[in-house]
N, C-alpha and C. Protein backbone atom coordinates (compact mmCIF):
# COMPACT_ATOMS: atom_id res chain seq x y z
N UNK A 1 39.63 -12.09 -0.85
CA UNK A 1 38.84 -13.32 -0.26
C UNK A 1 37.86 -12.89 -0.43
N UNK A 2 36.80 -13.71 -1.37
CA UNK A 2 35.92 -13.99 -2.00
C UNK A 2 35.18 -15.26 -0.97
N UNK A 3 33.76 -14.99 -0.68
CA UNK A 3 33.06 -15.71 -0.44
C UNK A 3 32.35 -16.33 -1.47
N UNK A 4 31.64 -17.65 -1.81
CA UNK A 4 30.71 -18.13 -2.20
C UNK A 4 29.00 -17.82 -1.86
N UNK A 5 28.56 -17.85 -3.07
CA UNK A 5 26.82 -17.53 -2.51
C UNK A 5 26.32 -18.29 -1.71
N UNK A 6 26.35 -20.05 -2.19
CA UNK A 6 26.09 -20.34 -1.02
C UNK A 6 26.51 -20.56 0.34
N UNK A 7 27.72 -20.22 0.81
CA UNK A 7 28.13 -19.64 2.06
C UNK A 7 27.40 -18.56 2.63
N UNK A 8 27.09 -17.35 1.55
CA UNK A 8 26.47 -16.25 2.11
C UNK A 8 25.26 -16.50 2.77
N UNK A 9 24.11 -17.87 1.93
CA UNK A 9 23.05 -18.08 2.38
C UNK A 9 22.93 -18.65 3.36
N UNK A 10 24.41 -19.58 3.88
CA UNK A 10 24.27 -20.42 4.75
C UNK A 10 24.73 -19.48 6.29
N UNK A 11 25.13 -18.63 6.03
CA UNK A 11 25.56 -17.82 7.03
C UNK A 11 24.56 -16.80 7.59
N UNK A 12 23.82 -16.41 6.61
CA UNK A 12 22.56 -15.97 6.83
C UNK A 12 21.84 -16.45 7.67
N UNK A 13 21.50 -17.47 7.30
CA UNK A 13 20.50 -18.36 7.77
C UNK A 13 20.81 -18.61 9.18
N UNK A 14 22.26 -18.76 9.38
CA UNK A 14 22.69 -18.91 10.72
C UNK A 14 22.73 -18.25 11.74
N UNK A 15 22.88 -16.76 11.10
CA UNK A 15 22.91 -15.35 12.13
C UNK A 15 21.64 -15.08 12.71
N UNK A 16 20.73 -15.30 11.33
CA UNK A 16 19.17 -14.59 11.79
C UNK A 16 18.71 -15.62 12.91
N UNK A 17 19.27 -16.61 12.81
CA UNK A 17 18.27 -17.80 13.55
C UNK A 17 19.30 -17.52 14.97
N UNK A 18 21.02 -16.98 15.10
CA UNK A 18 21.55 -16.93 16.47
C UNK A 18 21.00 -15.56 17.13
N UNK A 19 20.65 -14.37 16.45
CA UNK A 19 20.63 -13.03 16.79
C UNK A 19 21.84 -12.59 16.86
N UNK A 20 21.77 -11.55 17.89
CA UNK A 20 23.15 -10.95 18.40
C UNK A 20 23.45 -11.14 19.42
N UNK A 21 23.92 -12.32 19.83
CA UNK A 21 24.18 -12.57 20.94
C UNK A 21 25.80 -12.20 21.02
N UNK A 22 26.66 -11.81 22.20
CA UNK A 22 27.53 -11.10 22.54
C UNK A 22 28.74 -12.11 22.29
N UNK A 23 29.72 -11.56 21.43
CA UNK A 23 30.68 -12.63 21.47
C UNK A 23 31.68 -13.39 22.73
N UNK A 24 32.05 -14.40 22.07
CA UNK A 24 32.43 -15.47 23.97
C UNK A 24 33.93 -14.78 23.80
N UNK A 25 34.59 -15.20 24.59
CA UNK A 25 36.28 -14.93 24.75
C UNK A 25 37.02 -15.57 24.22
N UNK A 26 36.54 -16.84 23.63
CA UNK A 26 37.24 -17.94 22.15
C UNK A 26 36.99 -17.12 20.92
N UNK A 27 35.54 -16.50 20.77
CA UNK A 27 35.67 -16.42 19.49
C UNK A 27 35.91 -14.38 19.07
N UNK A 28 35.86 -13.88 20.13
CA UNK A 28 36.80 -12.47 20.22
C UNK A 28 38.62 -13.22 20.16
N UNK A 29 39.10 -13.63 20.72
CA UNK A 29 40.70 -14.14 20.40
C UNK A 29 40.74 -14.84 18.96
N UNK A 30 39.66 -15.83 18.68
CA UNK A 30 40.09 -16.75 17.56
C UNK A 30 39.35 -15.99 16.46
N UNK A 31 38.49 -14.85 16.61
CA UNK A 31 37.70 -14.63 15.65
C UNK A 31 38.57 -13.80 14.21
N UNK A 32 37.98 -14.64 12.98
CA UNK A 32 38.59 -13.99 11.84
C UNK A 32 37.63 -12.89 11.96
N UNK A 33 38.56 -11.78 11.19
CA UNK A 33 37.80 -10.76 11.72
C UNK A 33 37.07 -10.23 10.01
N UNK A 34 37.61 -10.68 9.18
CA UNK A 34 37.24 -10.24 8.12
C UNK A 34 36.24 -11.02 8.10
N UNK A 35 35.82 -12.05 8.14
CA UNK A 35 34.62 -12.92 7.95
C UNK A 35 33.53 -12.66 8.70
N UNK A 36 34.06 -11.99 9.95
CA UNK A 36 32.96 -11.24 10.83
C UNK A 36 32.37 -10.12 10.25
N UNK A 37 33.23 -9.24 9.33
CA UNK A 37 32.53 -8.28 9.08
C UNK A 37 31.75 -8.36 7.38
N UNK A 38 32.53 -9.80 6.84
CA UNK A 38 31.68 -10.20 5.93
C UNK A 38 30.32 -10.40 6.22
N UNK A 39 30.27 -11.27 7.12
CA UNK A 39 28.91 -11.71 7.83
C UNK A 39 27.52 -10.91 8.55
N UNK A 40 28.65 -9.75 9.06
CA UNK A 40 27.83 -8.59 9.29
C UNK A 40 27.04 -7.88 7.95
N UNK A 41 27.85 -7.48 7.02
CA UNK A 41 27.70 -6.89 5.74
C UNK A 41 26.72 -7.68 5.06
N UNK A 42 26.91 -9.09 5.09
CA UNK A 42 25.89 -10.13 4.26
C UNK A 42 24.25 -10.05 5.11
N UNK A 43 23.77 -9.20 6.40
CA UNK A 43 23.29 -9.12 6.70
C UNK A 43 22.44 -7.57 6.60
N UNK A 44 23.70 -7.05 5.89
CA UNK A 44 23.31 -5.34 5.80
C UNK A 44 23.30 -4.55 7.52
N UNK A 45 24.32 -5.09 8.36
CA UNK A 45 24.20 -4.34 9.49
C UNK A 45 25.11 -2.98 8.87
N UNK A 46 24.66 -2.17 9.93
CA UNK A 46 25.48 -0.90 9.44
C UNK A 46 27.12 -0.74 10.33
N UNK A 47 27.78 -0.24 9.90
CA UNK A 47 28.82 0.10 10.58
C UNK A 47 28.94 -0.04 11.96
N UNK A 48 27.96 0.86 12.38
CA UNK A 48 28.27 0.72 14.27
C UNK A 48 28.09 -0.81 15.00
N UNK A 49 27.62 -1.45 13.88
CA UNK A 49 27.60 -3.03 14.61
C UNK A 49 29.07 -3.59 14.87
N UNK A 50 30.20 -3.37 14.42
CA UNK A 50 31.33 -3.53 14.54
C UNK A 50 31.48 -2.81 16.54
N UNK A 51 31.01 -1.70 17.04
CA UNK A 51 30.79 -1.31 18.29
C UNK A 51 30.61 -2.19 18.85
N UNK A 52 29.47 -3.15 18.52
CA UNK A 52 28.85 -4.34 19.84
C UNK A 52 30.11 -4.85 19.63
N UNK A 53 30.62 -5.43 19.12
CA UNK A 53 31.68 -6.31 19.29
C UNK A 53 32.43 -6.24 19.71
N UNK A 54 32.82 -4.86 19.59
CA UNK A 54 34.15 -4.19 20.28
C UNK A 54 34.04 -3.98 21.89
N UNK A 55 32.67 -3.89 22.11
CA UNK A 55 32.05 -3.98 23.84
C UNK A 55 32.27 -5.37 24.17
N UNK A 56 31.95 -6.31 23.32
CA UNK A 56 31.60 -7.76 24.03
C UNK A 56 33.00 -8.01 24.02
N UNK A 57 33.97 -7.58 23.02
CA UNK A 57 35.37 -8.29 23.22
C UNK A 57 36.37 -7.70 24.40
N UNK A 58 36.01 -6.08 24.81
CA UNK A 58 36.72 -5.33 25.62
C UNK A 58 36.28 -6.47 27.15
N UNK A 59 35.59 -6.56 27.21
CA UNK A 59 35.70 -7.45 28.29
C UNK A 59 36.02 -8.66 28.48
N UNK A 60 37.20 -8.98 27.44
CA UNK A 60 37.78 -10.40 27.11
C UNK A 60 39.27 -9.45 27.31
N UNK A 61 39.26 -8.17 26.82
CA UNK A 61 40.79 -7.86 26.75
C UNK A 61 41.42 -7.55 25.39
N UNK A 62 40.07 -7.85 24.40
CA UNK A 62 40.30 -8.46 22.41
C UNK A 62 39.88 -7.37 22.03
N UNK A 63 40.91 -6.58 20.83
CA UNK A 63 40.06 -5.72 20.42
C UNK A 63 40.35 -6.05 18.94
N UNK A 64 39.02 -5.59 18.41
CA UNK A 64 38.61 -6.06 16.82
C UNK A 64 39.76 -5.62 15.61
N UNK A 65 40.06 -6.63 14.64
CA UNK A 65 40.77 -5.90 13.28
C UNK A 65 39.90 -4.90 12.91
N UNK A 66 40.09 -3.64 12.73
CA UNK A 66 39.24 -2.66 12.57
C UNK A 66 39.26 -2.89 10.54
N UNK A 67 40.38 -2.98 10.19
CA UNK A 67 40.82 -2.98 9.08
C UNK A 67 40.00 -4.01 8.69
N UNK A 68 40.53 -5.57 9.00
CA UNK A 68 39.89 -6.37 8.14
C UNK A 68 38.55 -7.02 8.57
N UNK A 69 38.11 -6.54 9.50
CA UNK A 69 36.52 -6.03 9.62
C UNK A 69 35.54 -5.35 8.15
N UNK A 70 36.32 -4.02 8.35
CA UNK A 70 35.88 -3.17 7.48
C UNK A 70 36.18 -3.91 5.86
N UNK A 71 37.17 -4.02 5.38
CA UNK A 71 37.15 -5.00 4.53
C UNK A 71 36.32 -5.96 3.82
N UNK A 72 36.14 -6.94 5.12
CA UNK A 72 35.27 -7.96 4.82
C UNK A 72 33.84 -7.65 5.16
N UNK A 73 33.28 -6.46 5.72
CA UNK A 73 32.09 -6.10 5.92
C UNK A 73 31.57 -5.84 3.95
N UNK A 74 32.58 -4.73 3.76
CA UNK A 74 31.94 -3.89 2.20
C UNK A 74 32.05 -4.92 1.41
N UNK A 75 32.69 -6.40 1.75
CA UNK A 75 32.05 -7.51 0.39
C UNK A 75 30.67 -8.32 0.77
N UNK A 76 30.91 -8.38 2.04
CA UNK A 76 29.36 -8.65 2.32
C UNK A 76 28.07 -7.57 2.08
N UNK A 77 28.25 -6.74 2.00
CA UNK A 77 27.48 -5.89 1.50
C UNK A 77 27.35 -6.10 0.13
N UNK A 78 28.48 -6.09 -0.33
CA UNK A 78 28.42 -5.96 -2.12
C UNK A 78 27.21 -7.34 -2.33
N UNK A 79 27.18 -8.48 -1.38
CA UNK A 79 26.18 -9.26 -1.63
C UNK A 79 24.80 -9.26 -1.19
N UNK A 80 25.16 -8.17 -0.15
CA UNK A 80 23.48 -8.18 0.68
C UNK A 80 22.50 -6.53 -0.53
N UNK A 81 23.60 -6.61 -1.07
CA UNK A 81 22.59 -5.16 -2.05
C UNK A 81 22.55 -5.57 -3.24
N UNK A 82 22.35 -6.92 -3.61
CA UNK A 82 22.16 -7.34 -4.63
C UNK A 82 20.30 -7.56 -4.81
N UNK A 83 19.75 -7.26 -5.74
CA UNK A 83 18.20 -7.26 -6.02
C UNK A 83 17.59 -8.11 -5.26
N UNK A 84 17.79 -9.07 -5.98
CA UNK A 84 17.03 -10.40 -5.31
C UNK A 84 16.81 -10.32 -4.01
N UNK A 85 18.48 -10.18 -2.79
CA UNK A 85 18.52 -9.73 -1.37
C UNK A 85 17.54 -8.73 -0.98
N UNK A 86 17.51 -8.02 -1.74
CA UNK A 86 16.55 -6.68 -1.37
C UNK A 86 15.44 -7.21 -1.32
N UNK A 87 14.76 -7.78 -1.71
CA UNK A 87 13.67 -8.31 -1.90
C UNK A 87 13.32 -8.73 -1.20
N UNK A 88 14.34 -10.26 -1.16
CA UNK A 88 14.01 -11.26 0.10
C UNK A 88 13.72 -10.80 1.79
N UNK A 89 14.85 -9.57 1.85
CA UNK A 89 14.91 -9.09 3.13
C UNK A 89 13.60 -8.42 3.42
N UNK A 90 13.52 -7.15 2.46
CA UNK A 90 12.06 -6.33 2.36
C UNK A 90 10.77 -7.37 2.75
N UNK A 91 10.53 -8.58 2.04
CA UNK A 91 9.79 -9.87 2.04
C UNK A 91 9.71 -10.26 3.36
N UNK A 92 10.58 -10.30 4.33
CA UNK A 92 11.18 -10.85 5.70
C UNK A 92 10.70 -9.82 6.70
N UNK A 93 10.55 -8.30 6.07
CA UNK A 93 10.14 -7.45 7.75
C UNK A 93 11.25 -6.98 7.63
N UNK A 94 12.66 -7.21 6.92
CA UNK A 94 13.75 -6.37 7.43
C UNK A 94 13.90 -4.79 7.31
N UNK A 95 14.32 -4.09 7.87
CA UNK A 95 14.39 -2.56 8.01
C UNK A 95 15.13 -2.42 7.69
N UNK A 96 16.00 -2.06 6.09
CA UNK A 96 16.94 -1.17 5.44
C UNK A 96 17.71 0.22 6.21
N UNK A 97 19.19 -0.27 6.44
CA UNK A 97 19.78 1.23 7.05
C UNK A 97 20.95 2.31 6.07
N UNK A 98 20.44 1.98 5.13
CA UNK A 98 20.91 2.66 4.30
C UNK A 98 22.35 2.38 4.02
N UNK A 99 22.81 1.14 4.31
CA UNK A 99 23.99 0.49 3.93
C UNK A 99 24.98 0.44 2.52
N UNK A 100 23.77 0.47 1.34
CA UNK A 100 24.12 0.25 -0.12
C UNK A 100 24.96 1.28 -0.73
N UNK A 101 25.95 0.86 -1.36
CA UNK A 101 26.65 2.23 -2.14
C UNK A 101 25.84 2.34 -3.11
N UNK A 102 26.18 3.68 -3.52
CA UNK A 102 25.02 4.10 -4.35
C UNK A 102 24.80 3.86 -5.94
N UNK A 103 26.48 2.73 -6.30
CA UNK A 103 25.61 2.20 -7.65
C UNK A 103 25.20 0.89 -7.39
N UNK A 104 24.84 0.43 -6.47
CA UNK A 104 23.64 -0.65 -5.86
C UNK A 104 22.29 -0.31 -5.72
N UNK A 105 22.85 0.83 -4.88
CA UNK A 105 21.15 1.15 -4.12
C UNK A 105 20.10 1.41 -4.39
N UNK A 106 20.00 1.94 -6.05
CA UNK A 106 18.78 2.23 -6.75
C UNK A 106 18.30 0.87 -6.97
N UNK A 107 18.44 -0.18 -7.44
CA UNK A 107 18.25 -1.11 -7.64
C UNK A 107 17.89 -2.15 -6.89
N UNK A 108 18.73 -2.03 -5.50
CA UNK A 108 18.50 -2.87 -4.16
C UNK A 108 17.00 -2.18 -3.81
N UNK A 109 17.24 -1.14 -3.83
CA UNK A 109 15.55 -0.03 -3.20
C UNK A 109 14.34 -0.93 -3.66
N UNK A 110 14.80 -0.39 -5.08
CA UNK A 110 13.18 -1.23 -6.02
C UNK A 110 13.12 -2.28 -5.45
N UNK A 111 13.42 -3.30 -5.30
CA UNK A 111 13.14 -4.76 -5.06
C UNK A 111 12.83 -4.68 -3.44
N UNK A 112 13.77 -4.25 -2.65
CA UNK A 112 12.96 -4.15 -1.63
C UNK A 112 12.00 -3.84 -1.32
N UNK A 113 11.48 -2.58 -1.63
CA UNK A 113 10.22 -1.93 -1.74
C UNK A 113 9.33 -2.95 -2.01
N UNK A 114 8.94 -4.17 -3.13
CA UNK A 114 8.47 -4.63 -3.45
C UNK A 114 8.17 -5.94 -2.45
N UNK A 115 9.02 -6.32 -2.21
CA UNK A 115 9.18 -7.26 -1.00
C UNK A 115 8.64 -6.84 0.79
N UNK A 116 9.34 -5.09 0.77
CA UNK A 116 8.53 -4.51 1.93
C UNK A 116 6.96 -4.47 1.85
N UNK A 117 6.34 -4.09 0.34
CA UNK A 117 4.45 -4.22 0.55
C UNK A 117 3.87 -5.73 0.39
N UNK A 118 4.96 -6.71 -0.19
CA UNK A 118 4.61 -8.09 0.03
C UNK A 118 4.18 -8.38 1.53
N UNK A 119 4.99 -8.22 2.28
CA UNK A 119 5.54 -8.38 3.69
C UNK A 119 4.13 -7.76 4.01
N UNK A 120 3.85 -6.16 3.83
CA UNK A 120 2.98 -5.33 4.78
C UNK A 120 1.17 -6.04 4.43
N UNK A 121 1.10 -6.95 3.29
CA UNK A 121 0.50 -7.16 2.81
C UNK A 121 -0.21 -8.64 3.46
N UNK A 122 0.77 -9.12 3.63
CA UNK A 122 0.79 -10.34 4.43
C UNK A 122 0.71 -10.37 5.54
N UNK A 123 0.88 -9.55 6.43
CA UNK A 123 0.61 -8.91 7.85
C UNK A 123 -0.53 -8.30 7.83
N UNK A 124 -1.04 -7.74 6.74
CA UNK A 124 -2.54 -7.59 7.03
C UNK A 124 -3.47 -8.68 7.33
N UNK A 125 -3.31 -9.73 6.46
CA UNK A 125 -4.17 -11.08 5.96
C UNK A 125 -3.39 -11.49 7.69
N UNK A 126 -2.40 -11.61 7.97
CA UNK A 126 -2.49 -12.62 9.38
C UNK A 126 -2.66 -11.64 10.63
N UNK A 127 -2.46 -10.30 10.34
CA UNK A 127 -3.43 -9.54 11.42
C UNK A 127 -4.80 -9.91 12.01
N UNK A 128 -5.57 -9.77 10.60
CA UNK A 128 -6.98 -9.70 10.35
C UNK A 128 -7.35 -11.66 11.06
N UNK A 129 -6.27 -11.91 10.75
CA UNK A 129 -6.73 -13.59 10.95
C UNK A 129 -6.99 -13.77 12.78
N UNK A 130 -5.55 -12.99 12.91
CA UNK A 130 -5.31 -13.29 14.70
C UNK A 130 -7.03 -12.64 15.47
N UNK A 131 -7.34 -11.70 14.78
CA UNK A 131 -8.07 -10.98 15.16
C UNK A 131 -9.37 -11.47 15.05
N UNK A 132 -9.68 -12.71 13.99
CA UNK A 132 -10.77 -12.97 13.92
C UNK A 132 -10.76 -14.00 14.94
N UNK A 133 -9.76 -14.74 15.16
CA UNK A 133 -9.68 -16.01 16.10
C UNK A 133 -9.49 -15.37 17.32
N UNK A 134 -9.40 -14.00 17.83
CA UNK A 134 -9.46 -13.37 19.07
C UNK A 134 -10.81 -13.30 19.37
N UNK A 135 -12.10 -12.53 18.29
CA UNK A 135 -12.82 -12.45 18.30
C UNK A 135 -13.99 -13.65 18.85
N UNK A 136 -13.67 -15.20 17.88
CA UNK A 136 -14.29 -16.09 18.33
C UNK A 136 -13.51 -16.74 19.85
N UNK A 137 -13.18 -16.51 20.26
CA UNK A 137 -12.40 -16.39 21.42
C UNK A 137 -13.82 -16.30 22.58
N UNK A 138 -13.49 -15.03 22.30
CA UNK A 138 -14.33 -14.27 23.11
C UNK A 138 -15.42 -14.84 22.84
N UNK A 139 -16.28 -14.85 22.36
CA UNK A 139 -17.72 -15.02 21.74
C UNK A 139 -18.19 -16.70 22.34
N UNK A 140 -16.78 -17.19 22.62
CA UNK A 140 -16.81 -19.14 23.14
C UNK A 140 -17.36 -18.76 24.73
N UNK A 141 -16.57 -17.23 24.82
CA UNK A 141 -16.63 -17.17 26.44
C UNK A 141 -18.05 -16.35 26.86
N UNK A 142 -18.82 -15.61 25.96
CA UNK A 142 -19.75 -15.07 26.27
C UNK A 142 -20.64 -16.23 26.06
N UNK A 143 -20.76 -16.67 24.98
CA UNK A 143 -21.87 -17.93 24.63
C UNK A 143 -21.91 -19.40 26.11
N UNK A 144 -20.59 -19.42 26.69
CA UNK A 144 -20.92 -19.99 28.27
C UNK A 144 -21.02 -19.26 29.05
N UNK A 145 -20.76 -17.67 29.40
CA UNK A 145 -21.65 -17.25 30.38
C UNK A 145 -23.26 -17.51 30.23
N UNK A 146 -23.59 -17.27 29.06
CA UNK A 146 -24.94 -16.94 28.75
C UNK A 146 -25.64 -18.15 29.23
N UNK A 147 -25.15 -20.00 28.75
CA UNK A 147 -25.68 -21.19 29.15
C UNK A 147 -25.19 -20.85 31.12
N UNK A 148 -24.48 -20.72 31.51
CA UNK A 148 -24.33 -20.61 32.70
C UNK A 148 -25.80 -19.91 33.17
N UNK A 149 -25.18 -18.45 32.63
CA UNK A 149 -26.66 -17.64 33.21
C UNK A 149 -27.95 -18.05 33.18
N UNK A 150 -28.72 -19.06 31.83
CA UNK A 150 -29.83 -19.35 31.53
C UNK A 150 -29.81 -20.47 32.60
N UNK A 151 -29.04 -21.41 32.61
CA UNK A 151 -28.69 -22.50 33.72
C UNK A 151 -29.34 -21.93 35.33
N UNK A 152 -28.77 -21.00 35.26
CA UNK A 152 -28.90 -19.77 36.79
C UNK A 152 -30.47 -19.40 37.08
N UNK A 153 -30.67 -19.03 35.82
CA UNK A 153 -32.28 -18.52 35.85
C UNK A 153 -33.34 -19.40 35.96
N UNK A 154 -33.24 -20.39 35.53
CA UNK A 154 -34.20 -21.85 35.84
C UNK A 154 -33.88 -22.41 37.15
N UNK A 155 -32.87 -22.31 37.81
CA UNK A 155 -32.71 -23.09 39.09
C UNK A 155 -33.62 -22.86 39.84
N UNK A 156 -34.31 -23.64 40.99
CA UNK A 156 -34.94 -23.79 41.89
C UNK A 156 -34.45 -22.79 42.90
N UNK A 157 -32.92 -23.18 42.91
CA UNK A 157 -32.15 -22.04 43.89
C UNK A 157 -31.97 -20.57 43.91
N UNK A 158 -32.54 -19.90 42.68
CA UNK A 158 -32.53 -18.32 42.47
C UNK A 158 -33.59 -17.82 43.02
N UNK A 159 -33.33 -16.81 43.70
CA UNK A 159 -34.17 -16.50 44.25
C UNK A 159 -34.84 -15.15 43.24
N UNK A 160 -36.14 -14.61 43.49
CA UNK A 160 -36.57 -13.67 42.40
C UNK A 160 -35.61 -12.30 42.13
N UNK A 161 -35.18 -11.83 43.35
CA UNK A 161 -34.41 -10.48 43.37
C UNK A 161 -33.32 -11.51 41.96
N UNK A 162 -32.29 -12.70 42.35
CA UNK A 162 -31.62 -13.01 42.01
C UNK A 162 -31.68 -12.90 40.10
N UNK A 163 -33.01 -13.62 39.71
CA UNK A 163 -33.46 -13.64 38.54
C UNK A 163 -33.50 -12.28 37.68
N UNK A 164 -33.97 -11.86 38.37
CA UNK A 164 -33.78 -10.19 37.50
C UNK A 164 -32.55 -9.76 37.52
N UNK A 165 -31.49 -9.62 38.17
CA UNK A 165 -30.14 -9.60 38.41
C UNK A 165 -30.14 -10.81 36.89
N UNK A 166 -30.05 -11.73 36.74
CA UNK A 166 -29.56 -12.78 35.61
C UNK A 166 -30.61 -12.13 34.43
N UNK A 167 -31.39 -11.98 34.61
CA UNK A 167 -32.32 -11.39 33.00
C UNK A 167 -31.37 -10.26 32.46
N UNK A 168 -30.91 -8.89 33.34
CA UNK A 168 -30.12 -8.22 33.12
C UNK A 168 -28.79 -8.73 32.46
N UNK A 169 -28.50 -9.30 32.94
CA UNK A 169 -27.08 -9.93 32.71
C UNK A 169 -27.28 -11.09 31.46
N UNK A 170 -28.49 -11.47 31.24
CA UNK A 170 -28.66 -12.34 29.94
C UNK A 170 -28.67 -11.07 28.94
N UNK A 171 -29.22 -9.88 29.08
CA UNK A 171 -29.51 -8.68 28.07
C UNK A 171 -28.23 -8.45 27.65
N UNK A 172 -27.42 -8.12 28.92
CA UNK A 172 -26.12 -7.38 28.73
C UNK A 172 -24.86 -8.86 27.50
N UNK A 173 -24.73 -9.84 27.71
CA UNK A 173 -24.54 -10.74 27.37
C UNK A 173 -24.93 -10.75 26.13
N UNK A 174 -26.03 -10.74 25.17
CA UNK A 174 -26.92 -11.05 24.29
C UNK A 174 -26.30 -9.98 23.39
N UNK A 175 -26.20 -8.82 24.04
CA UNK A 175 -25.64 -7.20 23.40
C UNK A 175 -24.24 -7.82 22.87
N UNK A 176 -22.77 -8.33 23.89
CA UNK A 176 -22.06 -8.68 23.88
C UNK A 176 -21.51 -9.70 22.32
N UNK A 177 -22.68 -10.62 22.48
CA UNK A 177 -22.70 -11.72 21.16
C UNK A 177 -23.18 -11.28 19.70
N UNK A 178 -24.03 -10.11 19.71
CA UNK A 178 -24.16 -9.05 18.59
C UNK A 178 -22.91 -8.62 18.04
N UNK A 179 -22.71 -7.74 19.15
CA UNK A 179 -21.29 -7.18 18.78
C UNK A 179 -20.20 -7.82 18.28
N UNK A 180 -19.95 -8.72 18.83
CA UNK A 180 -18.92 -9.58 18.42
C UNK A 180 -18.86 -10.37 16.92
N UNK A 181 -20.43 -11.22 16.81
CA UNK A 181 -20.67 -11.30 15.58
C UNK A 181 -20.67 -10.50 14.87
N UNK A 182 -20.66 -9.41 14.98
CA UNK A 182 -20.79 -8.22 13.44
C UNK A 182 -18.73 -8.00 13.26
N UNK A 183 -18.22 -8.07 14.50
CA UNK A 183 -17.12 -7.63 14.51
C UNK A 183 -16.51 -8.44 13.55
N UNK A 184 -17.05 -9.83 13.70
CA UNK A 184 -16.27 -11.08 13.25
C UNK A 184 -17.05 -10.72 11.76
N UNK A 185 -18.23 -10.74 11.53
CA UNK A 185 -18.37 -10.44 10.01
C UNK A 185 -17.25 -9.32 9.25
N UNK A 186 -17.56 -8.35 10.09
CA UNK A 186 -16.61 -7.12 9.18
C UNK A 186 -15.19 -7.56 9.40
N UNK A 187 -14.53 -7.79 10.10
CA UNK A 187 -13.03 -8.75 9.75
C UNK A 187 -13.13 -9.82 8.69
N UNK A 188 -13.91 -10.77 8.42
CA UNK A 188 -14.02 -11.67 7.39
C UNK A 188 -13.81 -10.61 6.23
N UNK A 189 -15.11 -9.60 6.11
CA UNK A 189 -14.67 -8.90 4.90
C UNK A 189 -13.62 -8.25 4.53
N UNK A 190 -12.89 -7.62 5.61
CA UNK A 190 -11.63 -7.35 6.15
C UNK A 190 -10.79 -7.76 5.16
N UNK A 191 -10.67 -9.23 5.80
CA UNK A 191 -9.50 -10.16 5.14
C UNK A 191 -10.01 -10.22 3.76
N UNK A 192 -11.05 -10.67 3.01
CA UNK A 192 -11.50 -11.02 2.06
C UNK A 192 -10.61 -10.02 1.18
N UNK A 193 -10.50 -8.71 1.33
CA UNK A 193 -9.95 -7.60 0.66
C UNK A 193 -8.40 -7.32 0.70
N UNK A 194 -8.08 -7.96 1.80
CA UNK A 194 -6.72 -7.98 1.90
C UNK A 194 -6.17 -8.89 1.02
N UNK A 195 -6.89 -10.40 1.44
CA UNK A 195 -6.50 -11.70 0.34
C UNK A 195 -6.42 -11.34 -1.28
N UNK A 196 -7.42 -10.24 -1.66
CA UNK A 196 -7.50 -10.31 -2.91
C UNK A 196 -6.15 -9.05 -3.48
N UNK A 197 -6.05 -8.12 -2.94
CA UNK A 197 -4.86 -7.32 -2.67
C UNK A 197 -3.72 -8.17 -3.11
N UNK A 198 -3.24 -8.99 -1.85
CA UNK A 198 -2.21 -9.96 -2.12
C UNK A 198 -2.06 -10.62 -3.27
N UNK A 199 -3.23 -11.25 -3.60
CA UNK A 199 -3.34 -11.97 -4.41
C UNK A 199 -3.41 -11.34 -5.89
N UNK A 200 -3.22 -10.19 -6.15
CA UNK A 200 -3.09 -9.41 -7.12
C UNK A 200 -1.58 -9.12 -7.60
N UNK A 201 -1.12 -8.49 -6.64
CA UNK A 201 0.27 -8.20 -5.95
C UNK A 201 1.18 -9.06 -6.57
N UNK A 202 0.82 -10.74 -6.03
CA UNK A 202 1.77 -11.62 -6.21
C UNK A 202 1.68 -11.98 -7.88
N UNK A 203 0.58 -11.36 -8.02
CA UNK A 203 0.65 -11.82 -9.67
C UNK A 203 1.87 -11.31 -10.51
N UNK A 204 1.41 -9.55 -9.59
CA UNK A 204 2.25 -8.51 -10.85
C UNK A 204 3.41 -8.82 -10.45
N UNK A 205 4.11 -9.40 -8.94
CA UNK A 205 5.34 -9.80 -8.57
C UNK A 205 6.26 -10.67 -9.98
N UNK A 206 5.02 -11.60 -9.98
CA UNK A 206 5.26 -12.99 -10.43
C UNK A 206 5.79 -12.92 -12.14
N UNK A 207 5.25 -11.42 -12.84
CA UNK A 207 5.20 -10.78 -13.93
C UNK A 207 6.39 -9.85 -13.93
N UNK A 208 6.61 -9.58 -13.19
CA UNK A 208 8.27 -8.90 -12.89
C UNK A 208 9.13 -9.55 -12.31
N UNK A 209 9.26 -10.99 -12.42
CA UNK A 209 10.14 -12.00 -12.43
C UNK A 209 10.85 -12.07 -10.80
N UNK A 210 9.46 -11.71 -10.00
CA UNK A 210 9.77 -11.89 -8.53
C UNK A 210 9.68 -13.20 -8.01
């Protein structure tokens, strides 16, 4: 039994969205274990994945068809271990579990490593953007505290002792502002470096046919 590449892609999308939910009683009883094995193989799951199915189905007094599952998984792995899938798997942050056969693993790993490096560069840009956004939120909060403190400082209701405390608070808040502004500037410079590296690597990948 061979499953077409379009079906493989559809299966991959569906299973990625559904995650690792336990199999229901109907799924265990009516399951096509060859197809289940193929689906698991097409996602790069290790052989231990069958143990999860066995545990889920044991609750419903159903045992998996090991031979059908193994044969299906072997077919699925042949699809998963294609270089193009390796690159996509790596670029999406997938962690390779050493499941490919020797005759496919070399080319798969080459493509996978390219994808993983691309993922790492994209993650660096994304993480830096998040850090910049976080610092901006902190800066907004500090600036609001400064405005509130300045308003309290000039308020006729504030005593001389309270103004001394408020002035000290303003000094501390001003220092926080300076620190955050410096961090934001450094993060922007860091992001520029990551973006340049990402752009350069994407050009290398394009030249390599990825």
